[in-house]
Amino acid sequence: MELLRDEGPKPVGEIGEDERLYWNNQYLGRRCRLLAKQGLIVNIGNGVYQITDDGRAYLDGDLDARGLPEPDDE
């Protein structure tokens, strides 16, 4: 989420290329889908994700994660 906040919308493949991350694209795609179900990021099309206002609020410490919907496991 910090990457999306700092650098803007990105597809999962580009997220996975960031040197700060060491997870594979399959894991990142699954994680992005779960975060999207919680409303913290959104798929704006073709697998490109961007952070939402709620996602920014969470990173800023202004949103309690306990109030977010529980995503179903895939």
C-alpha atoms as a PDB file:
ATOM      1  CA  MET A   1       0.000   0.000   0.000  1.00  0.00           C
ATOM      2  CA  GLU A   2       2.855   2.368   0.739  1.00  0.00           C
ATOM      3  CA  LEU A   3       4.225   1.788  -2.757  1.00  0.00           C
ATOM      4  CA  LEU A   4       0.859   2.664  -4.292  1.00  0.00           C
ATOM      5  CA  ARG A   5       0.557   5.735  -2.078  1.00  0.00           C
ATOM      6  CA  ASP A   6       4.052   6.943  -2.941  1.00  0.00           C
ATOM      7  CA  GLU A   7       4.235   6.041  -6.635  1.00  0.00           C
ATOM      8  CA  GLY A   8       0.642   5.892  -7.840  1.00  0.00           C
ATOM      9  CA  PRO A   9      -1.329   3.133  -9.541  1.00  0.00           C
ATOM     10  CA  LYS A  10       0.583   0.020 -10.602  1.00  0.00           C
ATOM     11  CA  PRO A  11      -0.135  -3.450 -11.945  1.00  0.00           C
ATOM     12  CA  VAL A  12       0.813  -6.407  -9.789  1.00  0.00           C
ATOM     13  CA  GLY A  13       3.776  -7.198 -12.062  1.00  0.00           C
ATOM     14  CA  GLU A  14       5.307  -3.765 -11.462  1.00  0.00           C
ATOM     15  CA  ILE A  15       4.623  -4.003  -7.739  1.00  0.00           C
ATOM     16  CA  GLY A  16       6.542  -7.277  -7.735  1.00  0.00           C
ATOM     17  CA  GLU A  17       9.530  -5.669  -9.469  1.00  0.00           C
ATOM     18  CA  ASP A  18      10.102  -3.246  -6.595  1.00  0.00           C
ATOM     19  CA  GLU A  19      13.359  -4.151  -4.843  1.00  0.00           C
ATOM     20  CA  ARG A  20      11.816  -3.598  -1.396  1.00  0.00           C
ATOM     21  CA  LEU A  21       9.443  -6.514  -1.937  1.00  0.00           C
ATOM     22  CA  TYR A  22      10.456 -10.133  -2.174  1.00  0.00           C
ATOM     23  CA  TRP A  23       7.120 -11.864  -2.762  1.00  0.00           C
ATOM     24  CA  ASN A  24       6.130 -13.461  -6.033  1.00  0.00           C
ATOM     25  CA  ASN A  25       3.412 -12.056  -8.263  1.00  0.00           C
ATOM     26  CA  GLN A  26       0.963 -14.810  -7.354  1.00  0.00           C
ATOM     27  CA  TYR A  27       1.128 -13.874  -3.662  1.00  0.00           C
ATOM     28  CA  LEU A  28       1.009 -10.147  -4.444  1.00  0.00           C
ATOM     29  CA  GLY A  29      -2.044 -10.604  -6.662  1.00  0.00           C
ATOM     30  CA  ARG A  30      -3.842 -12.529  -3.917  1.00  0.00           C
ATOM     31  CA  ARG A  31      -2.890  -9.898  -1.344  1.00  0.00           C
ATOM     32  CA  CYS A  32      -4.053  -7.062  -3.601  1.00  0.00           C
ATOM     33  CA  ARG A  33      -7.422  -8.761  -4.082  1.00  0.00           C
ATOM     34  CA  LEU A  34      -7.829  -9.130  -0.307  1.00  0.00           C
ATOM     35  CA  LEU A  35      -6.898  -5.493   0.316  1.00  0.00           C
ATOM     36  CA  ALA A  36      -9.360  -4.469  -2.394  1.00  0.00           C
ATOM     37  CA  LYS A  37     -12.146  -6.459  -0.677  1.00  0.00           C
ATOM     38  CA  GLN A  38     -11.373  -4.446   2.456  1.00  0.00           C
ATOM     39  CA  GLY A  39     -11.568  -1.183   0.527  1.00  0.00           C
ATOM     40  CA  LEU A  40      -7.938  -0.182   1.106  1.00  0.00           C
ATOM     41  CA  ILE A  41      -6.974  -0.379  -2.562  1.00  0.00           C
ATOM     42  CA  VAL A  42      -9.026  -0.674  -5.748  1.00  0.00           C
ATOM     43  CA  ASN A  43      -8.506  -2.455  -9.061  1.00  0.00           C
ATOM     44  CA  ILE A  44      -8.946   0.299 -11.633  1.00  0.00           C
ATOM     45  CA  GLY A  45      -8.801  -2.174 -14.515  1.00  0.00           C
ATOM     46  CA  ASN A  46      -6.484  -4.698 -16.118  1.00  0.00           C
ATOM     47  CA  GLY A  47      -4.987  -5.642 -12.747  1.00  0.00           C
ATOM     48  CA  VAL A  48      -3.826  -2.095 -11.995  1.00  0.00           C
ATOM     49  CA  TYR A  49      -4.336  -1.148  -8.363  1.00  0.00           C
ATOM     50  CA  GLN A  50      -4.453   2.216  -6.655  1.00  0.00           C
ATOM     51  CA  ILE A  51      -4.779   3.162  -3.015  1.00  0.00           C
ATOM     52  CA  THR A  52      -8.104   4.477  -1.733  1.00  0.00           C
ATOM     53  CA  ASP A  53      -8.805   7.269   0.733  1.00  0.00           C
ATOM     54  CA  ASP A  54      -9.393   4.572   3.378  1.00  0.00           C
ATOM     55  CA  GLY A  55      -6.019   3.051   2.491  1.00  0.00           C
ATOM     56  CA  ARG A  56      -4.308   6.396   2.989  1.00  0.00           C
ATOM     57  CA  ALA A  57      -6.152   6.907   6.274  1.00  0.00           C
ATOM     58  CA  TYR A  58      -5.024   3.452   7.449  1.00  0.00           C
ATOM     59  CA  LEU A  59      -1.380   4.191   6.623  1.00  0.00           C
ATOM     60  CA  ASP A  60      -1.657   7.548   8.385  1.00  0.00           C
ATOM     61  CA  GLY A  61      -3.024   5.845  11.503  1.00  0.00           C
ATOM     62  CA  ASP A  62      -6.438   7.471  11.106  1.00  0.00           C
ATOM     63  CA  LEU A  63      -8.386   4.275  10.343  1.00  0.00           C
ATOM     64  CA  ASP A  64      -8.707   1.319  12.693  1.00  0.00           C
ATOM     65  CA  ALA A  65      -8.361  -1.962  10.775  1.00  0.00           C
ATOM     66  CA  ARG A  66     -10.756  -3.623  13.207  1.00  0.00           C
ATOM     67  CA  GLY A  67     -13.560  -1.702  11.522  1.00  0.00           C
ATOM     68  CA  LEU A  68     -12.790  -3.121   8.083  1.00  0.00           C
ATOM     69  CA  PRO A  69     -14.792  -5.983   6.593  1.00  0.00           C
ATOM     70  CA  GLU A  70     -13.185  -9.413   6.915  1.00  0.00           C
ATOM     71  CA  PRO A  71     -12.310 -10.622   3.419  1.00  0.00           C
ATOM     72  CA  ASP A  72     -13.196 -14.182   2.559  1.00  0.00           C
ATOM     73  CA  ASP A  73     -10.183 -16.395   1.949  1.00  0.00           C
ATOM     74  CA  GLU A  74      -9.716 -17.313  -1.682  1.00  0.00           C
END
